[in-house]
Protein backbone atom coordinates (compact mmCIF):
# COMPACT_ATOMS: atom_id res chain seq x y z
CA MET A 1 28.11 31.53 146.93
CA THR A 2 31.50 30.56 145.62
CA THR A 3 33.88 33.29 142.43
CA THR A 4 33.82 29.91 141.81
CA ASN A 5 30.52 29.51 141.74
CA TRP A 6 29.80 32.71 140.64
CA ILE A 7 32.01 32.54 137.73
CA MET A 8 29.61 28.96 136.21
CA VAL A 9 26.30 31.01 136.93
CA GLY A 10 28.15 33.72 134.32
CA ALA A 11 29.22 31.94 131.63
CA LEU A 12 25.99 29.87 131.28
CA LEU A 13 24.61 33.05 131.24
CA LEU A 14 26.83 34.44 128.51
CA ALA A 15 27.04 31.66 126.65
CA PRO A 16 24.01 31.75 124.26
CA LEU A 17 24.86 36.03 123.68
CA LEU A 18 28.46 34.15 123.01
CA ALA A 19 27.28 31.92 119.57
CA VAL A 20 24.48 34.36 118.45
CA ARG A 21 27.21 36.64 118.08
CA VAL A 22 29.47 34.20 116.42
CA GLN A 23 27.53 32.58 114.55
CA LYS A 24 26.28 36.26 112.90
CA VAL A 25 29.84 36.72 112.18
CA LEU A 26 30.23 33.70 111.24
CA GLU A 27 26.93 34.63 108.98
CA SER A 28 28.53 37.40 107.30
CA TYR A 29 32.30 36.29 106.85
CA ARG A 30 30.32 33.91 104.63
CA GLU A 31 28.08 36.58 102.89
CA LYS A 32 30.82 38.51 102.08
CA ARG A 33 33.23 36.37 100.26
CA ASN A 34 30.64 35.21 98.63
CA ARG A 35 30.01 38.64 97.01
CA ARG A 36 33.80 38.83 96.15
CA LYS A 37 33.35 35.54 94.97
CA GLN A 38 30.70 36.64 92.53
CA ILE A 39 32.79 39.91 91.03
CA PHE A 40 35.42 37.54 90.17
CA GLN A 41 33.48 34.46 88.02
CA THR A 42 31.66 38.07 86.79
CA LEU A 43 34.94 39.36 85.72
CA MET A 44 36.50 36.20 84.34
CA ALA A 45 33.31 35.32 82.37
CA SER A 46 33.42 38.88 80.94
CA ARG A 47 37.19 39.08 80.45
CA ALA A 48 36.86 39.49 76.79
CA VAL A 49 33.85 41.50 76.56
CA ARG A 50 34.93 44.29 79.21
CA LEU A 51 32.86 46.47 77.84
CA SER A 52 29.37 44.42 79.39
CA PHE A 53 27.47 46.92 82.20
CA GLU A 54 27.93 43.73 84.00
CA HIS A 55 32.21 43.46 83.85
CA VAL A 56 31.90 47.25 84.74
CA ARG A 57 29.57 46.90 87.45
CA ALA A 58 31.72 44.62 88.56
CA LEU A 59 34.96 47.09 88.65
CA ASN A 60 33.91 49.40 90.39
CA MET A 61 32.34 47.08 93.34
CA ILE A 62 35.68 45.62 94.09
CA ASP A 63 36.54 48.49 96.62
CA LEU A 64 34.02 47.86 98.38
CA GLU A 65 33.73 44.59 99.42
CA PHE A 66 37.33 44.60 99.24
CA TYR A 67 38.13 47.35 101.49
CA GLY A 68 38.75 44.59 104.78
CA GLN A 69 36.34 43.46 106.59
CA SER A 70 34.65 44.32 110.56
CA VAL A 71 35.08 41.50 113.02
CA PHE A 72 33.81 42.49 116.44
CA GLY A 73 33.22 46.49 115.56
CA ILE A 74 36.97 46.13 114.60
CA LYS A 75 37.35 46.84 110.70
CA GLN A 76 40.92 44.49 109.61
CA LYS A 77 42.66 44.84 106.02
CA SER A 78 44.18 41.39 105.29
CA LYS A 79 47.56 41.83 103.10
CA LYS A 80 45.92 39.99 99.59
CA ASP A 81 42.94 42.47 100.65
CA ALA A 82 45.58 44.68 100.04
CA GLU A 83 46.79 43.84 96.81
CA VAL A 84 43.68 43.95 94.67
CA ILE A 85 43.30 46.97 95.70
CA ASP A 86 46.46 48.30 95.06
CA ALA A 87 46.64 46.06 91.82
CA TRP A 88 42.39 47.89 90.76
CA ARG A 89 44.07 51.72 91.55
CA PRO A 90 46.56 52.22 88.90
CA TYR A 91 43.65 49.72 87.00
CA ARG A 92 41.26 51.93 87.15
CA ARG A 93 43.36 55.61 86.05
CA HIS A 94 44.25 53.55 83.00
CA LEU A 95 40.74 53.18 81.88
CA GLN A 96 40.41 56.62 82.39
CA GLN A 97 43.41 58.03 80.60
CA GLU A 98 43.19 59.58 77.31
CA VAL A 99 44.51 58.22 74.26
CA PRO A 100 45.81 59.64 71.33
CA ASP A 101 45.69 57.05 68.59
CA GLU A 102 49.59 56.22 68.23
CA ASP A 103 49.35 55.22 71.65
CA PHE A 104 46.27 53.72 71.76
CA LYS A 105 48.03 50.20 70.82
CA THR A 106 50.67 50.94 73.07
CA TRP A 107 47.24 51.38 76.12
CA THR A 108 46.05 48.19 74.85
CA ASN A 109 48.79 46.17 75.44
CA GLU A 110 49.53 47.65 78.89
CA LYS A 111 45.11 47.81 79.78
CA ASP A 112 45.76 43.74 78.96
CA ASN A 113 48.86 43.83 81.81
CA ARG A 114 47.14 45.73 84.68
CA PHE A 115 43.71 43.67 84.12
CA ARG A 116 45.93 40.40 84.23
CA ASP A 117 47.34 41.19 87.40
CA LEU A 118 43.85 42.35 89.13
CA LEU A 119 42.38 39.30 88.16
CA PHE A 120 45.34 37.39 89.82
CA ALA A 121 45.81 39.05 92.70
CA MET A 122 41.93 38.60 93.48
CA SER A 123 42.46 34.66 92.87
CA CYS A 124 45.52 34.43 95.00
CA ALA A 125 42.61 36.41 97.16
CA LEU A 126 39.53 34.05 97.02
CA GLY A 127 42.60 31.22 96.87
CA TYR A 128 42.57 29.91 93.71
CA GLU A 129 45.58 28.65 92.13
CA PHE A 130 45.43 30.39 87.91
CA GLU A 131 49.12 31.43 86.62
CA LYS A 132 49.29 35.34 85.03
CA ALA A 133 49.14 33.24 81.95
CA GLU A 134 46.44 31.52 82.27
CA LEU A 135 44.51 34.71 82.95
CA GLU A 136 45.19 36.40 79.92
CA SER A 137 44.97 34.22 77.68
CA GLY A 138 41.54 31.77 78.90
CA ALA A 139 39.31 33.77 77.50
CA TYR A 140 36.94 32.79 74.57
CA HIS A 141 35.32 34.76 72.27
CA PRO A 142 33.55 33.75 69.39
CA ASP A 143 34.04 36.06 66.18
CA ALA A 144 30.03 36.48 64.92
CA HIS A 145 29.84 37.93 68.31
CA PHE A 146 32.61 40.53 67.32
CA TYR A 147 30.12 41.11 63.86
CA GLN A 148 27.30 41.89 65.80
CA ASP A 149 29.28 44.53 68.27
CA LEU A 150 30.71 45.99 64.79
CA SER A 151 27.80 45.73 62.90
CA THR A 152 25.44 47.45 66.06
CA ARG A 153 28.21 49.80 66.63
CA SER A 154 27.83 51.35 62.94
CA ILE A 155 24.14 51.38 62.83
CA ILE A 156 24.89 53.32 65.96
CA GLN A 157 26.46 55.85 64.37
CA ASN A 158 24.87 55.93 61.56
CA LEU A 159 21.73 56.74 63.84
CA ASP A 160 24.02 59.55 64.83
CA LYS A 161 24.60 61.39 62.66
CA VAL A 162 21.28 61.47 61.00
CA LEU A 163 19.83 62.51 64.20
CA ARG A 164 22.29 65.33 64.77
CA GLY A 165 22.03 65.55 60.61
CA LYS A 166 24.86 65.32 59.32
CA ALA A 167 23.90 62.54 57.13
CA ALA A 168 21.23 61.82 55.45
CA VAL A 169 17.84 59.37 55.01
CA ASN A 170 16.43 58.28 51.43
CA VAL A 171 13.29 56.59 51.37
CA ILE A 172 12.49 55.21 48.43
CA ALA A 173 8.94 53.33 47.73
CA TRP A 174 8.97 49.83 46.29
CA ASP A 175 6.36 47.39 46.80
CA GLY A 176 8.58 44.69 47.36
CA HIS A 177 7.72 42.20 44.03
CA ARG A 178 9.95 44.10 42.20
CA GLU A 179 14.15 45.12 42.12
CA PRO A 180 14.32 48.32 44.15
CA PRO A 181 15.11 51.38 41.68
CA GLN A 182 18.21 53.17 42.31
CA SER A 183 18.27 56.70 43.58
CA SER A 184 20.39 58.63 40.90
CA GLU A 185 23.28 60.86 42.37
CA GLY A 186 20.06 64.41 42.71
CA ASP A 187 18.64 62.59 44.96
CA THR A 188 21.26 62.47 47.91
CA ARG A 189 21.66 65.40 49.43
CA GLN A 190 24.70 65.04 51.69
CA ALA A 191 27.41 62.79 51.18
CA GLU A 192 26.27 59.77 53.77
CA GLY A 193 23.30 58.84 52.48
CA ILE A 194 21.13 55.55 54.21
CA GLU A 195 18.89 54.39 52.39
CA ILE A 196 15.65 52.59 53.41
CA PRO A 197 13.85 50.83 51.32
CA SER A 198 9.54 51.19 52.32
CA THR A 199 6.64 49.60 51.30
CA ASP A 200 3.27 52.49 49.96
CA SER A 201 1.13 48.61 48.99
CA GLU A 202 -0.98 49.19 52.69
CA SER A 203 -2.25 52.60 50.43
CA GLY A 204 -1.79 52.34 47.68
CA GLU A 205 -0.58 55.59 46.32
CA ASP A 206 2.09 55.88 44.14
CA ASN A 207 2.55 52.09 43.06
CA PRO A 208 0.37 51.90 40.39
CA GLY A 209 1.58 48.35 39.78
CA ALA A 210 0.62 46.89 43.67
CA ASP A 211 -1.65 44.10 43.41
CA THR A 212 -5.02 45.76 45.46
CA GLY A 213 -6.85 42.36 46.55
CA SER A 214 -10.13 43.19 45.14
CA GLY A 215 -10.78 40.67 42.51
CA THR A 216 -13.49 38.29 43.08
């Protein structure tokens, strides 16, 4: 056999192996791009509620998914990937700072700017065409969600005070049919008290006026 024949035979033998390898590389690229898009979509969807679990989890995945990509065993990092990491790391350090109350407004403004820069870098890496102003002002957060979060936070804070012994819980017996009695000043054991109405209608104790349902 001539050299040309040997080359043709080798090409026939190696072609299926190369095709499989190329297919795996393409699949890996698509999967990684989908994971990156998922991170970006999560950050965009939750940019008005940045304390949510989904938002924090997406931030923590940036280092892993935008670190670079391996092609035929060679680690490669594009310029756009590097820009994402360069935008994320100072934003992460900024979030971890302890901020005095008097500097909170300035810190918040800087935080918003750094987060906008991060979203912009990610959008460029993924091929989206967003303006920075659009990324900053495009979020929608209903007032009802704000007040719900505020109420939940207040409940947690008050419960924490009770569990640590810094607030009292005043339990008032009430049958549910009359106006609940008002606690006197002497009933409050601490300056901060939380009143929780309760009923004793099931047992009938301390409630002689309650209807026991025994009539025929």
